Amino acid sequence: MTTNKYCQVLAELRNRRAHYLKDVGDQWRTPDLLFWGINAMFGPLTLDLFADDDNAKCPVWYTADDNALVQDWAEMLASIGGAAFGNPPYSRSQYDGKQAITGMSHIMSYASAMREKGGRYVFLIKAAPSETWWPEDADHIVFIRGRIGFDLPAWFIPADEKQQPTSAFFAGAIVVFDKTWRGERFSYIHRSDLEAKGRAFMSLAQFAAAKVAPPAPVEDVMPAGLGQPEVESRIWPLEVGLVFNQVEGADSLELAQQNKLKANINQLWLERMPTSEIITVAGGLVNSMQGAVNA
C-alpha cells in the first residue's frame, strides 16, 4: 500500500492505458549492457537502491515505497554481500512529511554517509560537475565518453507511434563510494567499451550456463497415460527464491522446469558464484528450456 504522494503518482502513471515519453520521468531503465559492464568493473552488484518489482537489476532491491533514503544500505550489504547499484531518480526533491524520498543532493549525501559505515555504492549518473549535488567526495569517478541512453519501463504503453525514445540522452559517469578504494580518483571509458565489457560478461555467463545445464533427460519408460507428477520437490533457501524471482521468464516455465532451474540456482549459490552471475546463468537456462519446448 502506497504511503506517500510520490508513490501514489507513480502507481497512477503505471496504471494508465497509454503513455507519453514526457511522462516517464524517473522511470527510465538502465540498459542491460551498461549495467553488466558496470557490474564487471565494480561488482558483484547485489542491491538495487532505486528500483521497482519490474525493473530491478539486482536480487535485492528497494522500491519507492521502501524509500532507500531511510534504509541501512551498509547493513543490507553486510548481510547479502556484494555492492549496491543505483540509477537514481533525477526529479526535484520529493518528501514524505519531512523525509526526502528523491533529490540528487539527498541521495549523494546519504551515499556519503553510508560509505562511512562500510560497503561499496556504485551509481550511474549524469556527468554534471557544475550541479550543486555533484559528488566531489566520491572515491572514484569514471567519465563515460559518448552519450548514453536508457530503456523504457516495462509498463510503458505508447500513446502513438511518435513515442519512440532517442538513442542517446546525456553524458554519463559512474560514481563509486567506497572508503577502501585505493585506485585512481578519476578515469575515463568510452560507452562502446563499457558495453563491450557488459557483452563479454553476458557471453561468459551464457558459456557457464551451457556448462552447468543438465544433460537432456533420457525418456522414461512409463505406462501410457501416466505422467511425472509436477510437485515442488523441496523447500528452497530464501536466496534461491530471491534469485529465481529476478530471472526473466522463470515463472512462465512448467513446474518441473522451475524445480530444475531452482536446483541449478541452489548449486551455483553453494559454489559461491556471485549473485549477478547466477542471474545471468539462470537466464540462459530459461532460454534453453523455452527453446526446447518450442522446438
Foldseek 3Di string as FASTA:
>chain_A
DADAPVVVLVVVQLPDPADALVPCAQPFAADLLLVLLVCLVAKPAAEEEEDDLQHDLHLHYDYLRNQSLVDQLLVVCVVVPMAHEYAFGDDDWDDDVPHTRHHLLSVLVSLLVSQVVFGKYKYKYAPDVPDPSPNPPFQAKEWEADFQDTHGTPSHHHPDPVRDDDGGDHTIMMTMRHPVDDDDHYYYYYPVVSSVSSVVLLVVLLVVLVVLPDPDDDDDDDPPPDDDDQDQPDDADPLLVSLCSVAPPLVVDGSVLNNVLSVSLRVVVVVVDRSSSSSSSSNSSNVVVVVVVVD
